[in-house]
Structure formats: C-alpha cells, structure tokens
Amino acid sequence: TFDGTSRVVTNLEWRRRITGELLHVAVLGVTAFVDGGKTWGARVGPSTGGWRGDVGTGLLVEITRASVVRIIRLEVAYPDRGKGPVFQFTSDSLF
C-alpha cells in the first residue's frame, strides 16, 4: 500500500470463461492481469518512490441471476516489491 495526493494507475487484464452456466446460477472464469502505478505528493505515508507493479491471476464467479453483485473475484498478485503474494477477495458489478 502506498499513499499520495496524486496518482496514475494502469491495468491490463485477460478474462476467459471456463464453464457454461452451472445450476442456472453462475459461470466460472479465470483472469490474468498486470497492474502498474505511481503516486506523488505524500499525505500520510511514503510515496511509491517510482513506478510500482504486480502480476497476478484469479478465479471469477459471474452470478447470472443477481441484480446487484455480478462478479465475485478471488485473486492472488505478486508485487514487484514486498514479501510474498497478496490475496484479495472482492465482489462488485461487472466492471
């Protein structure tokens, strides 16, 4: 994690469905991604000290019968600096 009053962030992501609809409820998929970014103008913590990045992969669950939450994501990312992988679980709309 890093802090700053200004930032630039970029993301490249590939997604692929690996199943059809399961039990008329969900579709499974996989993702691979690369993130990069930089902050400056630190407020509380340190700025990034240059560009930072990570690469990762994840499992996607698209809920086909929901009106609010459409994607559940379980991802693991490997940062360019830091110790070991970072795991993340999120649920959100399609994008």
N, C-alpha and C. Protein backbone atom coordinates (compact mmCIF):
# COMPACT_ATOMS: atom_id res chain seq x y z
N THR A 1 0.84 -1.17 0.00
CA THR A 1 0.00 0.00 0.00
C THR A 1 0.88 1.23 0.00
N PHE A 2 0.43 2.25 -0.70
CA PHE A 2 1.16 3.50 -0.70
C PHE A 2 0.17 4.66 -0.76
N ASP A 3 0.66 5.84 -0.47
CA ASP A 3 -0.20 6.99 -0.27
C ASP A 3 0.26 8.15 -1.14
N GLY A 4 -0.63 9.06 -1.45
CA GLY A 4 -0.27 10.26 -2.18
C GLY A 4 -1.48 11.08 -2.52
N THR A 5 -1.27 12.35 -2.79
CA THR A 5 -2.37 13.22 -3.19
C THR A 5 -2.65 13.12 -4.68
N SER A 6 -1.73 12.55 -5.44
CA SER A 6 -1.91 12.37 -6.89
C SER A 6 -1.44 10.97 -7.27
N ARG A 7 -2.06 10.42 -8.33
CA ARG A 7 -1.66 9.08 -8.75
C ARG A 7 -1.98 8.86 -10.22
N VAL A 8 -1.30 7.88 -10.78
CA VAL A 8 -1.60 7.37 -12.11
C VAL A 8 -1.57 5.85 -11.99
N VAL A 9 -2.59 5.19 -12.55
CA VAL A 9 -2.72 3.74 -12.42
C VAL A 9 -3.11 3.17 -13.78
N THR A 10 -2.55 2.01 -14.12
CA THR A 10 -2.92 1.32 -15.35
C THR A 10 -3.11 -0.16 -15.05
N ASN A 11 -3.96 -0.81 -15.85
CA ASN A 11 -4.27 -2.22 -15.65
C ASN A 11 -4.51 -2.86 -17.00
N LEU A 12 -3.93 -4.04 -17.18
CA LEU A 12 -4.19 -4.85 -18.36
C LEU A 12 -4.68 -6.20 -17.85
N GLU A 13 -5.85 -6.64 -18.33
CA GLU A 13 -6.45 -7.86 -17.79
C GLU A 13 -7.00 -8.72 -18.92
N TRP A 14 -6.78 -10.02 -18.81
CA TRP A 14 -7.32 -11.01 -19.74
C TRP A 14 -8.30 -11.88 -18.96
N ARG A 15 -9.49 -12.11 -19.51
CA ARG A 15 -10.50 -12.95 -18.86
C ARG A 15 -10.95 -14.04 -19.82
N ARG A 16 -11.28 -15.19 -19.23
CA ARG A 16 -11.75 -16.33 -20.04
C ARG A 16 -12.76 -17.13 -19.25
N ARG A 17 -13.92 -17.38 -19.84
CA ARG A 17 -14.90 -18.29 -19.22
C ARG A 17 -14.39 -19.71 -19.37
N ILE A 18 -14.56 -20.50 -18.31
CA ILE A 18 -14.12 -21.90 -18.38
C ILE A 18 -15.27 -22.88 -18.25
N THR A 19 -16.47 -22.37 -17.95
CA THR A 19 -17.65 -23.23 -17.90
C THR A 19 -18.82 -22.51 -18.54
N GLY A 20 -19.84 -23.29 -18.85
CA GLY A 20 -21.13 -22.70 -19.18
C GLY A 20 -21.83 -22.41 -17.86
N GLU A 21 -23.10 -22.08 -17.93
CA GLU A 21 -23.84 -21.77 -16.72
C GLU A 21 -24.00 -23.02 -15.86
N LEU A 22 -23.63 -22.90 -14.59
CA LEU A 22 -23.71 -24.01 -13.64
C LEU A 22 -24.96 -23.87 -12.78
N LEU A 23 -25.82 -24.88 -12.78
CA LEU A 23 -27.03 -24.91 -11.96
C LEU A 23 -27.91 -23.67 -12.18
N HIS A 24 -27.84 -23.09 -13.37
CA HIS A 24 -28.62 -21.89 -13.72
C HIS A 24 -28.35 -20.73 -12.77
N VAL A 25 -27.15 -20.67 -12.20
CA VAL A 25 -26.83 -19.65 -11.20
C VAL A 25 -25.55 -18.89 -11.51
N ALA A 26 -24.51 -19.57 -11.98
CA ALA A 26 -23.20 -18.92 -12.09
C ALA A 26 -22.39 -19.49 -13.25
N VAL A 27 -21.41 -18.70 -13.68
CA VAL A 27 -20.43 -19.09 -14.68
C VAL A 27 -19.05 -18.87 -14.07
N LEU A 28 -18.15 -19.84 -14.25
CA LEU A 28 -16.79 -19.71 -13.73
C LEU A 28 -15.85 -19.21 -14.82
N GLY A 29 -14.86 -18.43 -14.39
CA GLY A 29 -13.86 -17.93 -15.32
C GLY A 29 -12.53 -17.74 -14.63
N VAL A 30 -11.52 -17.45 -15.42
CA VAL A 30 -10.18 -17.17 -14.89
C VAL A 30 -9.73 -15.83 -15.44
N THR A 31 -8.76 -15.24 -14.76
CA THR A 31 -8.21 -13.97 -15.19
C THR A 31 -6.70 -13.96 -14.96
N ALA A 32 -6.01 -13.20 -15.78
CA ALA A 32 -4.59 -12.91 -15.58
C ALA A 32 -4.45 -11.40 -15.77
N PHE A 33 -3.62 -10.77 -14.96
CA PHE A 33 -3.55 -9.31 -15.01
C PHE A 33 -2.16 -8.78 -14.68
N VAL A 34 -1.93 -7.54 -15.11
CA VAL A 34 -0.72 -6.77 -14.80
C VAL A 34 -1.20 -5.39 -14.39
N ASP A 35 -0.72 -4.89 -13.26
CA ASP A 35 -1.07 -3.56 -12.78
C ASP A 35 0.20 -2.73 -12.64
N GLY A 36 0.08 -1.44 -12.81
CA GLY A 36 1.21 -0.55 -12.60
C GLY A 36 0.71 0.81 -12.14
N GLY A 37 1.55 1.51 -11.39
CA GLY A 37 1.12 2.83 -10.95
C GLY A 37 2.20 3.58 -10.20
N LYS A 38 1.88 4.83 -9.91
CA LYS A 38 2.81 5.71 -9.21
C LYS A 38 1.99 6.74 -8.45
N THR A 39 2.44 7.11 -7.25
CA THR A 39 1.83 8.21 -6.50
C THR A 39 2.89 9.26 -6.21
N TRP A 40 2.42 10.46 -5.93
CA TRP A 40 3.32 11.53 -5.51
C TRP A 40 2.52 12.50 -4.64
N GLY A 41 3.23 13.38 -3.96
CA GLY A 41 2.58 14.30 -3.03
C GLY A 41 2.08 13.57 -1.79
N ALA A 42 2.96 12.87 -1.10
CA ALA A 42 2.56 12.05 0.04
C ALA A 42 1.82 12.86 1.10
N ARG A 43 0.73 12.26 1.64
CA ARG A 43 -0.05 12.89 2.70
C ARG A 43 0.30 12.29 4.05
N VAL A 44 0.19 10.98 4.16
CA VAL A 44 0.38 10.30 5.44
C VAL A 44 1.59 9.38 5.39
N GLY A 45 1.59 8.48 4.43
CA GLY A 45 2.68 7.51 4.31
C GLY A 45 3.63 7.90 3.20
N PRO A 46 4.54 7.01 2.87
CA PRO A 46 5.52 7.30 1.83
C PRO A 46 4.89 7.25 0.44
N SER A 47 5.46 8.00 -0.50
CA SER A 47 5.04 7.88 -1.89
C SER A 47 5.64 6.58 -2.43
N THR A 48 5.34 6.26 -3.67
CA THR A 48 5.80 4.99 -4.23
C THR A 48 7.30 4.95 -4.47
N GLY A 49 7.94 6.10 -4.58
CA GLY A 49 9.38 6.10 -4.87
C GLY A 49 9.65 5.57 -6.26
N GLY A 50 8.82 5.89 -7.22
CA GLY A 50 8.93 5.40 -8.58
C GLY A 50 7.72 4.56 -8.94
N TRP A 51 7.78 3.94 -10.07
CA TRP A 51 6.68 3.10 -10.52
C TRP A 51 6.65 1.80 -9.75
N ARG A 52 5.46 1.31 -9.46
CA ARG A 52 5.26 0.02 -8.79
C ARG A 52 4.37 -0.84 -9.68
N GLY A 53 4.48 -2.14 -9.54
CA GLY A 53 3.66 -3.02 -10.36
C GLY A 53 3.46 -4.37 -9.72
N ASP A 54 2.55 -5.14 -10.31
CA ASP A 54 2.33 -6.52 -9.89
C ASP A 54 1.76 -7.32 -11.05
N VAL A 55 1.86 -8.62 -10.94
CA VAL A 55 1.22 -9.55 -11.88
C VAL A 55 0.41 -10.52 -11.05
N GLY A 56 -0.68 -11.02 -11.62
CA GLY A 56 -1.49 -11.93 -10.83
C GLY A 56 -2.45 -12.73 -11.68
N THR A 57 -3.19 -13.58 -10.98
CA THR A 57 -4.18 -14.44 -11.59
C THR A 57 -5.34 -14.60 -10.62
N GLY A 58 -6.47 -15.07 -11.13
CA GLY A 58 -7.60 -15.22 -10.23
C GLY A 58 -8.70 -16.08 -10.79
N LEU A 59 -9.65 -16.38 -9.92
CA LEU A 59 -10.86 -17.13 -10.25
C LEU A 59 -12.02 -16.15 -10.20
N LEU A 60 -12.86 -16.16 -11.24
CA LEU A 60 -14.03 -15.29 -11.32
C LEU A 60 -15.29 -16.13 -11.25
N VAL A 61 -16.27 -15.67 -10.51
CA VAL A 61 -17.58 -16.29 -10.47
C VAL A 61 -18.58 -15.22 -10.88
N GLU A 62 -19.19 -15.40 -12.05
CA GLU A 62 -20.21 -14.45 -12.51
C GLU A 62 -21.57 -14.99 -12.10
N ILE A 63 -22.27 -14.23 -11.26
CA ILE A 63 -23.60 -14.63 -10.81
C ILE A 63 -24.59 -14.20 -11.89
N THR A 64 -25.24 -15.16 -12.54
CA THR A 64 -26.09 -14.86 -13.68
C THR A 64 -27.51 -14.46 -13.29
N ARG A 65 -27.93 -14.73 -12.08
CA ARG A 65 -29.31 -14.42 -11.66
C ARG A 65 -29.37 -13.33 -10.60
N ALA A 66 -28.34 -12.53 -10.48
CA ALA A 66 -28.32 -11.47 -9.46
C ALA A 66 -28.59 -10.12 -10.10
N SER A 67 -29.16 -9.22 -9.33
CA SER A 67 -29.43 -7.88 -9.85
C SER A 67 -28.40 -6.86 -9.38
N VAL A 68 -27.63 -7.18 -8.33
CA VAL A 68 -26.67 -6.21 -7.79
C VAL A 68 -25.24 -6.70 -7.99
N VAL A 69 -24.80 -7.67 -7.24
CA VAL A 69 -23.43 -8.20 -7.35
C VAL A 69 -23.39 -9.17 -8.51
N ARG A 70 -22.53 -8.89 -9.49
CA ARG A 70 -22.44 -9.74 -10.66
C ARG A 70 -21.16 -10.56 -10.72
N ILE A 71 -20.07 -10.08 -10.12
CA ILE A 71 -18.78 -10.77 -10.21
C ILE A 71 -18.20 -10.94 -8.81
N ILE A 72 -17.79 -12.16 -8.51
CA ILE A 72 -17.03 -12.44 -7.29
C ILE A 72 -15.64 -12.85 -7.75
N ARG A 73 -14.61 -12.22 -7.17
CA ARG A 73 -13.24 -12.44 -7.61
C ARG A 73 -12.38 -12.91 -6.44
N LEU A 74 -11.62 -13.97 -6.65
CA LEU A 74 -10.60 -14.43 -5.71
C LEU A 74 -9.29 -14.37 -6.47
N GLU A 75 -8.40 -13.44 -6.06
CA GLU A 75 -7.19 -13.18 -6.83
C GLU A 75 -5.94 -13.27 -5.96
N VAL A 76 -4.84 -13.58 -6.62
CA VAL A 76 -3.54 -13.55 -5.98
C VAL A 76 -2.61 -12.74 -6.88
N ALA A 77 -1.89 -11.78 -6.27
CA ALA A 77 -0.98 -10.92 -7.02
C ALA A 77 0.41 -11.01 -6.41
N TYR A 78 1.40 -10.86 -7.26
CA TYR A 78 2.80 -10.89 -6.83
C TYR A 78 3.41 -9.52 -7.12
N PRO A 79 3.60 -8.69 -6.08
CA PRO A 79 4.13 -7.34 -6.28
C PRO A 79 5.60 -7.35 -6.65
N ASP A 80 6.02 -6.28 -7.35
CA ASP A 80 7.43 -6.18 -7.72
C ASP A 80 8.31 -5.89 -6.52
N ARG A 81 7.74 -5.35 -5.46
CA ARG A 81 8.45 -5.15 -4.19
C ARG A 81 7.56 -5.68 -3.09
N GLY A 82 8.14 -6.22 -2.07
CA GLY A 82 7.33 -6.75 -0.99
C GLY A 82 7.65 -8.20 -0.74
N LYS A 83 6.96 -8.76 0.23
CA LYS A 83 7.24 -10.13 0.63
C LYS A 83 6.06 -11.02 0.28
N GLY A 84 6.25 -11.90 -0.65
CA GLY A 84 5.26 -12.91 -0.97
C GLY A 84 4.02 -12.38 -1.66
N PRO A 85 3.09 -13.29 -1.93
CA PRO A 85 1.88 -12.95 -2.66
C PRO A 85 0.87 -12.19 -1.79
N VAL A 86 -0.03 -11.48 -2.49
CA VAL A 86 -1.12 -10.77 -1.84
C VAL A 86 -2.42 -11.39 -2.34
N PHE A 87 -3.29 -11.82 -1.41
CA PHE A 87 -4.57 -12.43 -1.75
C PHE A 87 -5.67 -11.39 -1.58
N GLN A 88 -6.65 -11.42 -2.49
CA GLN A 88 -7.75 -10.46 -2.42
C GLN A 88 -9.05 -11.13 -2.82
N PHE A 89 -10.11 -10.85 -2.07
CA PHE A 89 -11.46 -11.31 -2.37
C PHE A 89 -12.33 -10.08 -2.54
N THR A 90 -12.99 -9.95 -3.68
CA THR A 90 -13.87 -8.81 -3.91
C THR A 90 -15.16 -9.26 -4.58
N SER A 91 -16.18 -8.46 -4.42
CA SER A 91 -17.43 -8.67 -5.15
C SER A 91 -17.91 -7.31 -5.62
N ASP A 92 -18.32 -7.26 -6.88
CA ASP A 92 -18.69 -5.97 -7.45
C ASP A 92 -19.51 -6.20 -8.70
N SER A 93 -19.85 -5.11 -9.36
CA SER A 93 -20.54 -5.21 -10.63
C SER A 93 -19.55 -5.66 -11.69
N LEU A 94 -20.00 -5.81 -12.91
CA LEU A 94 -19.19 -6.40 -13.97
C LEU A 94 -17.87 -5.68 -14.19
N PHE A 95 -17.84 -4.35 -14.17
CA PHE A 95 -16.59 -3.61 -14.33
C PHE A 95 -16.51 -2.53 -13.31
